[in-house]
C-alpha cells in the first residue's frame, strides 16, 4: 500500500499526538516533551520560552523533582470488560458526542463526567463515533482519550477501554470513574 507524504503541519500534529502516547509497562520513555496542561494547549501549543527553562542538574530536571508523579490510566481488566459487554455489570450513564465540534464536546464531556462522579456512578459509556463519514478520520475518537490525560479529567477517571461491539465498538469507550473521596460526616 502506498502512503502519501505528510505535510509539515501534519507531521507536527502527528508528533504532538505521539508524545502523548503511554509506553507499554516496563518500557522507558524519553520525557523531554511535557504533556500539555489543558485543552487549549493541546490544540494550540506555544513554543517554549528558553529564558524560563530550568537547566537539569545531574541529568534530572528540577521540575521533575518537585512534581508528584501523575496518576496513569490503565485499561479495564478483561473480566470487567466482559461483564460490561454482556450486561452483568450495568452502565450507569452514557453520553453521545456524535457530530459535535471538539470544544463543544470537550466542555460537555467534562461537565458530564463531573456530574456522574459526584453521583457516585462507576461505569460510563462515552460514544465518540467512528468518524468514517465525509472523509473524516474520527477527530473525537482520536482526541477523547487524549483529553483523559489532562488535569481536569485525570482525577475523575480510573481507567478506560474501547467498548464491545454491541455498545459501539471502536466508536465508543467504557470509562471507569474513580471512587469518590469520603467527605467529613
Protein backbone atom coordinates (compact mmCIF):
# COMPACT_ATOMS: atom_id res chain seq x y z
CA UNK A 1 0.00 0.00 0.00
CA UNK A 2 1.42 3.38 -0.94
CA UNK A 3 1.18 6.22 1.53
CA UNK A 4 1.28 9.89 0.75
CA UNK A 5 3.92 12.17 2.17
CA UNK A 6 2.83 14.15 5.26
CA UNK A 7 2.88 17.93 5.08
CA UNK A 8 4.91 19.79 7.70
CA UNK A 9 1.68 20.70 9.57
CA UNK A 10 0.53 17.07 9.57
CA UNK A 11 3.96 15.89 10.69
CA UNK A 12 3.96 18.40 13.56
CA UNK A 13 0.43 17.33 14.59
CA UNK A 14 1.45 13.66 14.49
CA UNK A 15 4.47 14.38 16.70
CA UNK A 16 2.25 16.16 19.25
CA UNK A 17 -0.15 13.21 19.37
CA UNK A 18 2.70 10.67 19.51
CA UNK A 19 4.23 12.48 22.53
CA UNK A 20 1.02 11.83 24.48
CA UNK A 21 1.14 8.05 23.96
CA UNK A 22 1.69 5.87 27.01
CA UNK A 23 4.52 3.32 26.97
CA UNK A 24 3.93 -0.36 27.49
CA UNK A 25 4.55 -1.49 31.08
CA UNK A 26 8.26 -1.90 31.76
CA UNK A 27 9.36 0.31 28.84
CA UNK A 28 11.34 3.51 29.31
CA UNK A 29 10.25 6.74 27.63
CA UNK A 30 12.07 9.98 26.91
CA UNK A 31 10.20 12.61 28.95
CA UNK A 32 11.84 15.57 27.23
CA UNK A 33 8.48 16.85 25.96
CA UNK A 34 5.93 17.69 28.64
CA UNK A 35 2.24 16.96 28.14
CA UNK A 36 0.00 19.97 27.60
CA UNK A 37 -1.80 21.14 30.72
CA UNK A 38 -5.17 21.90 29.16
CA UNK A 39 -7.31 21.51 26.07
CA UNK A 40 -6.24 24.85 24.55
CA UNK A 41 -2.53 23.96 24.82
CA UNK A 42 -3.19 20.53 23.30
CA UNK A 43 -4.84 22.11 20.26
CA UNK A 44 -2.63 25.25 20.02
CA UNK A 45 0.81 24.62 21.50
CA UNK A 46 3.19 27.54 22.01
CA UNK A 47 6.92 27.43 21.58
CA UNK A 48 8.68 27.10 24.95
CA UNK A 49 10.36 30.21 26.31
CA UNK A 50 14.09 29.38 26.52
CA UNK A 51 14.63 32.04 29.22
CA UNK A 52 12.25 30.21 31.59
CA UNK A 53 13.68 26.73 31.06
CA UNK A 54 15.48 25.33 34.07
CA UNK A 55 18.76 23.59 33.44
CA UNK A 56 18.90 19.96 34.59
CA UNK A 57 21.41 19.02 37.27
CA UNK A 58 22.99 15.59 37.19
CA UNK A 59 20.65 14.56 34.38
CA UNK A 60 17.47 15.15 36.44
CA UNK A 61 15.22 18.13 35.79
CA UNK A 62 14.43 20.19 38.92
CA UNK A 63 10.82 20.31 37.75
CA UNK A 64 10.68 16.51 37.80
CA UNK A 65 11.91 16.53 41.40
CA UNK A 66 9.19 18.94 42.56
CA UNK A 67 6.13 17.41 40.89
CA UNK A 68 4.44 14.26 42.17
CA UNK A 69 4.05 11.52 39.58
CA UNK A 70 0.87 11.79 37.54
CA UNK A 71 -1.70 9.05 38.02
CA UNK A 72 -1.86 6.84 34.95
CA UNK A 73 -4.97 5.37 33.45
CA UNK A 74 -4.81 1.68 32.84
CA UNK A 75 -7.06 -0.40 30.62
CA UNK A 76 -10.06 -2.10 32.19
CA UNK A 77 -9.41 -5.61 33.40
CA UNK A 78 -10.57 -8.28 30.95
CA UNK A 79 -13.24 -9.77 33.28
CA UNK A 80 -14.73 -6.32 33.91
CA UNK A 81 -14.86 -5.56 30.19
CA UNK A 82 -16.56 -8.90 29.51
CA UNK A 83 -19.14 -8.25 32.23
CA UNK A 84 -19.85 -4.77 30.85
CA UNK A 85 -20.24 -6.18 27.33
CA UNK A 86 -22.63 -8.92 28.47
CA UNK A 87 -24.65 -6.64 30.74
CA UNK A 88 -23.69 -8.34 34.03
CA UNK A 89 -22.23 -5.00 35.13
CA UNK A 90 -24.58 -2.16 34.33
CA UNK A 91 -23.57 1.03 32.56
CA UNK A 92 -24.58 3.80 34.94
CA UNK A 93 -24.72 6.61 32.34
CA UNK A 94 -23.90 7.28 28.70
CA UNK A 95 -23.12 10.31 26.59
CA UNK A 96 -23.19 10.61 22.80
CA UNK A 97 -20.75 13.11 21.29
CA UNK A 98 -21.64 12.39 17.63
CA UNK A 99 -21.45 15.41 15.34
CA UNK A 100 -20.08 17.84 17.92
CA UNK A 101 -17.17 20.20 17.47
CA UNK A 102 -14.15 19.49 19.68
CA UNK A 103 -14.56 22.47 22.03
CA UNK A 104 -18.28 21.75 22.46
CA UNK A 105 -17.66 18.04 23.07
CA UNK A 106 -14.80 18.79 25.49
CA UNK A 107 -16.92 21.06 27.69
CA UNK A 108 -19.95 18.75 27.61
CA UNK A 109 -17.90 15.63 28.39
CA UNK A 110 -16.10 17.29 31.32
CA UNK A 111 -19.38 18.53 32.84
CA UNK A 112 -20.99 15.11 32.30
CA UNK A 113 -18.10 13.22 33.94
CA UNK A 114 -18.07 15.60 36.92
CA UNK A 115 -21.83 15.09 37.48
CA UNK A 116 -21.52 11.32 37.10
CA UNK A 117 -18.57 11.24 39.52
CA UNK A 118 -20.47 13.37 42.06
CA UNK A 119 -23.44 10.98 41.82
CA UNK A 120 -21.19 8.01 42.54
CA UNK A 121 -21.53 6.39 39.12
CA UNK A 122 -18.81 3.88 38.35
CA UNK A 123 -19.09 2.75 34.69
CA UNK A 124 -19.86 5.18 31.88
CA UNK A 125 -20.20 4.74 28.11
CA UNK A 126 -18.76 7.59 26.01
CA UNK A 127 -19.86 7.39 22.38
CA UNK A 128 -17.47 9.27 20.09
CA UNK A 129 -18.45 7.78 16.75
CA UNK A 130 -16.09 6.12 14.32
CA UNK A 131 -15.62 9.22 12.20
CA UNK A 132 -15.59 7.42 8.88
CA UNK A 133 -18.03 9.69 7.04
CA UNK A 134 -17.22 12.56 4.68
CA UNK A 135 -13.51 11.77 4.62
CA UNK A 136 -13.16 12.35 8.36
CA UNK A 137 -10.59 10.42 10.35
CA UNK A 138 -12.51 10.39 13.63
CA UNK A 139 -11.35 13.51 15.44
CA UNK A 140 -13.32 12.80 18.63
CA UNK A 141 -12.43 9.12 18.51
CA UNK A 142 -8.78 10.15 18.47
CA UNK A 143 -8.84 13.10 20.90
CA UNK A 144 -11.18 11.95 23.69
CA UNK A 145 -8.56 9.50 25.07
CA UNK A 146 -6.02 12.37 24.95
CA UNK A 147 -8.35 14.56 27.00
CA UNK A 148 -8.44 11.91 29.71
CA UNK A 149 -4.78 12.67 30.49
CA UNK A 150 -5.44 16.40 31.01
CA UNK A 151 -5.51 17.67 34.62
CA UNK A 152 -9.27 18.40 34.52
CA UNK A 153 -10.15 14.81 33.60
CA UNK A 154 -7.35 12.89 35.34
CA UNK A 155 -8.81 12.79 38.88
CA UNK A 156 -12.24 11.71 37.61
CA UNK A 157 -11.16 8.67 35.60
CA UNK A 158 -9.74 5.41 36.85
CA UNK A 159 -9.47 3.56 33.52
CA UNK A 160 -10.95 3.33 30.05
CA UNK A 161 -11.09 0.87 27.18
CA UNK A 162 -12.66 0.55 23.74
CA UNK A 163 -16.24 -0.67 24.08
CA UNK A 164 -17.56 -4.03 22.94
CA UNK A 165 -19.20 -4.27 19.53
CA UNK A 166 -22.75 -4.22 20.95
CA UNK A 167 -22.03 -0.91 22.71
CA UNK A 168 -20.42 0.84 19.73
CA UNK A 169 -17.10 -0.96 19.31
CA UNK A 170 -14.33 1.31 18.01
CA UNK A 171 -16.69 4.30 18.19
CA UNK A 172 -17.25 4.14 21.95
CA UNK A 173 -15.31 3.87 25.21
CA UNK A 174 -16.07 2.19 28.52
CA UNK A 175 -14.90 4.58 31.24
CA UNK A 176 -14.49 3.56 34.87
CA UNK A 177 -14.76 6.60 37.10
CA UNK A 178 -12.55 6.99 40.14
CA UNK A 179 -14.15 6.37 43.51
CA UNK A 180 -15.35 9.44 45.35
CA UNK A 181 -13.32 10.56 48.31
CA UNK A 182 -15.17 10.15 51.59
CA UNK A 183 -16.03 13.59 52.92
CA UNK A 184 -16.46 14.69 56.52
CA UNK A 185 -19.61 13.31 58.13
